[in-house]
């Protein structure tokens, strides 16, 4: 027989789980969502602009989203990825202004500058460098339909001895 006031270990484990699980669930539900992701929807569903940053602010009066610190932007509909110190999305004007060591990658092409403006409807980038610096762009140039790739030069046959001229 068990001494008075002692409970079996199995029963204590069950009691512990019964108390911990509801407390953990209540804590998870009560905790505010601290995700630092903003998603702005365009007219078509599935065409989201995703912005991750240290801080974000939205002004409902002007329709401007401002992201500050370690900004990472992804716009899959246009295959655009970007990093910057700060980004502003002007929803009414449909433009994005990235500033502070900006790097943009789109379909293998890249552009780097101090400030880059992207006009969404035009699909146009405008880049400005730091003072006394230049904007850097790298473009992948596909071969034209008329231009066929030139074949590699023939490899000399090294196994057969070649005759020396006399």
Protein backbone atom coordinates (compact mmCIF):
# COMPACT_ATOMS: atom_id res chain seq x y z
CA UNK A 1 0.00 0.00 0.00
CA UNK A 2 1.21 3.50 -0.80
CA UNK A 3 1.89 5.94 1.99
CA UNK A 4 -0.75 8.58 2.52
CA UNK A 5 -0.01 11.81 0.56
CA UNK A 6 2.11 10.12 -2.17
CA UNK A 7 0.84 9.75 -5.70
CA UNK A 8 2.15 7.26 -8.25
CA UNK A 9 4.74 8.66 -10.72
CA UNK A 10 2.57 7.78 -13.69
CA UNK A 11 -0.30 9.83 -12.31
CA UNK A 12 2.00 12.82 -11.69
CA UNK A 13 3.21 12.73 -15.31
CA UNK A 14 -0.36 12.69 -16.57
CA UNK A 15 -1.25 15.59 -14.31
CA UNK A 16 1.80 17.54 -15.51
CA UNK A 17 0.94 17.01 -19.17
CA UNK A 18 -2.70 17.87 -18.51
CA UNK A 19 -1.62 21.20 -16.98
CA UNK A 20 1.24 22.10 -19.34
CA UNK A 21 -0.46 21.49 -22.71
CA UNK A 22 -3.45 23.81 -22.13
CA UNK A 23 -1.15 26.48 -20.67
CA UNK A 24 1.14 26.29 -23.71
CA UNK A 25 -1.79 26.49 -26.12
CA UNK A 26 -3.30 29.43 -24.25
CA UNK A 27 0.07 31.19 -24.32
CA UNK A 28 0.46 30.61 -28.06
CA UNK A 29 -3.03 31.95 -28.74
CA UNK A 30 -2.63 34.96 -26.44
CA UNK A 31 0.81 35.96 -27.80
CA UNK A 32 0.64 38.59 -30.55
CA UNK A 33 1.95 37.63 -33.96
CA UNK A 34 5.44 39.16 -34.14
CA UNK A 35 6.05 38.22 -37.76
CA UNK A 36 7.70 41.10 -39.63
CA UNK A 37 6.23 40.31 -43.04
CA UNK A 38 4.01 42.60 -45.07
CA UNK A 39 2.17 41.32 -48.10
CA UNK A 40 0.54 43.80 -50.44
CA UNK A 41 -1.95 42.28 -52.90
CA UNK A 42 -2.23 43.55 -56.45
CA UNK A 43 -5.46 43.28 -58.46
CA UNK A 44 -4.91 39.64 -59.40
CA UNK A 45 -4.91 37.00 -56.68
CA UNK A 46 -1.54 35.32 -56.18
CA UNK A 47 0.47 38.35 -57.25
CA UNK A 48 1.78 39.27 -53.81
CA UNK A 49 4.63 41.62 -52.99
CA UNK A 50 6.39 40.21 -49.92
CA UNK A 51 8.54 42.48 -47.74
CA UNK A 52 10.58 41.36 -44.73
CA UNK A 53 12.34 43.94 -42.53
CA UNK A 54 13.25 44.93 -38.98
CA UNK A 55 10.42 47.50 -38.80
CA UNK A 56 7.43 48.35 -40.95
CA UNK A 57 4.94 51.19 -40.94
CA UNK A 58 1.73 51.69 -42.91
CA UNK A 59 0.02 55.04 -43.41
CA UNK A 60 -3.61 54.31 -44.34
CA UNK A 61 -4.18 57.95 -45.26
CA UNK A 62 -1.46 58.00 -47.95
CA UNK A 63 -1.34 54.27 -48.76
CA UNK A 64 2.43 54.13 -48.18
CA UNK A 65 4.18 51.14 -46.61
CA UNK A 66 7.67 51.88 -45.24
CA UNK A 67 10.06 49.06 -44.32
CA UNK A 68 13.28 49.89 -42.45
CA UNK A 69 16.34 47.76 -41.68
CA UNK A 70 17.55 44.62 -43.47
CA UNK A 71 14.82 44.83 -46.08
CA UNK A 72 14.26 41.80 -48.29
CA UNK A 73 11.63 42.01 -50.99
CA UNK A 74 10.17 39.29 -53.19
CA UNK A 75 7.74 39.83 -56.07
CA UNK A 76 7.31 36.38 -57.67
CA UNK A 77 4.85 37.59 -60.34
CA UNK A 78 7.73 39.54 -61.94
CA UNK A 79 10.50 37.22 -60.70
CA UNK A 80 12.06 40.06 -58.69
CA UNK A 81 14.12 39.72 -55.51
CA UNK A 82 15.75 42.69 -53.80
CA UNK A 83 17.67 43.74 -50.70
CA UNK A 84 18.05 47.26 -49.30
CA UNK A 85 18.34 49.27 -46.09
CA UNK A 86 14.88 50.81 -46.64
CA UNK A 87 11.91 50.29 -48.96
CA UNK A 88 8.73 52.23 -49.58
CA UNK A 89 5.72 50.88 -51.46
CA UNK A 90 3.46 53.62 -52.82
CA UNK A 91 0.26 51.65 -53.42
CA UNK A 92 -1.66 54.46 -55.15
CA UNK A 93 1.19 55.29 -57.54
CA UNK A 94 2.14 51.61 -57.92
CA UNK A 95 5.85 52.20 -57.40
CA UNK A 96 8.52 50.87 -55.06
CA UNK A 97 11.48 52.96 -53.87
CA UNK A 98 14.43 50.97 -52.50
CA UNK A 99 17.30 52.88 -50.88
CA UNK A 100 20.59 52.14 -49.13
CA UNK A 101 22.94 49.65 -50.82
CA UNK A 102 20.22 48.24 -53.07
CA UNK A 103 20.61 44.98 -54.99
CA UNK A 104 17.87 43.78 -57.36
CA UNK A 105 17.81 40.43 -59.15
CA UNK A 106 15.32 39.63 -61.93
CA UNK A 107 15.56 36.54 -64.16
CA UNK A 108 19.35 36.38 -63.77
CA UNK A 109 19.82 40.10 -64.50
CA UNK A 110 20.97 42.30 -61.62
CA UNK A 111 21.34 45.96 -60.77
CA UNK A 112 23.10 47.60 -57.82
CA UNK A 113 22.86 51.22 -56.69
CA UNK A 114 22.13 53.55 -53.79
CA UNK A 115 18.49 54.19 -54.78
CA UNK A 116 16.37 52.18 -57.20
CA UNK A 117 12.80 53.04 -58.15
CA UNK A 118 10.60 50.33 -59.68
CA UNK A 119 7.52 51.44 -61.61
CA UNK A 120 5.23 48.42 -61.39
CA UNK A 121 2.89 49.15 -64.32
CA UNK A 122 5.74 50.03 -66.69
CA UNK A 123 8.07 47.26 -65.45
CA UNK A 124 10.81 49.91 -65.37
CA UNK A 125 13.79 50.29 -63.01
CA UNK A 126 15.44 53.68 -62.42
CA UNK A 127 18.76 53.53 -60.55
CA UNK A 128 20.85 56.26 -58.90
CA UNK A 129 24.37 55.62 -57.52
CA UNK A 130 26.06 56.92 -54.39
CA UNK A 131 27.88 60.22 -54.84
CA UNK A 132 31.04 59.77 -56.96
CA UNK A 133 30.09 56.15 -57.73
CA UNK A 134 28.31 54.37 -60.56
CA UNK A 135 25.33 52.07 -60.92
CA UNK A 136 26.31 48.49 -61.76
CA UNK A 137 24.14 46.24 -63.93
CA UNK A 138 24.68 42.72 -65.19
CA UNK A 139 22.44 41.53 -68.02
CA UNK A 140 22.09 38.04 -69.42
CA UNK A 141 21.96 38.41 -73.21
CA UNK A 142 20.30 35.39 -74.83
CA UNK A 143 21.35 34.43 -78.35
CA UNK A 144 18.99 35.66 -81.06
CA UNK A 145 16.83 33.22 -83.00
CA UNK A 146 18.86 33.92 -86.18
CA UNK A 147 22.22 33.52 -84.51
CA UNK A 148 23.24 29.93 -83.95
CA UNK A 149 25.93 29.14 -81.42
CA UNK A 150 29.33 28.70 -83.04
CA UNK A 151 30.62 25.17 -82.66
CA UNK A 152 33.73 24.55 -80.62
CA UNK A 153 36.94 24.10 -82.64
CA UNK A 154 37.84 20.53 -83.50
CA UNK A 155 40.11 18.80 -81.04
CA UNK A 156 43.36 17.64 -82.66
CA UNK A 157 43.90 13.90 -82.76
CA UNK A 158 46.91 13.38 -80.53
CA UNK A 159 47.13 9.59 -80.97
CA UNK A 160 48.25 9.51 -84.60
CA UNK A 161 51.73 10.83 -85.25
CA UNK A 162 51.75 13.88 -87.41
CA UNK A 163 54.22 14.29 -90.23
CA UNK A 164 56.77 17.00 -90.01
CA UNK A 165 57.15 19.25 -92.99
CA UNK A 166 60.40 18.72 -94.94
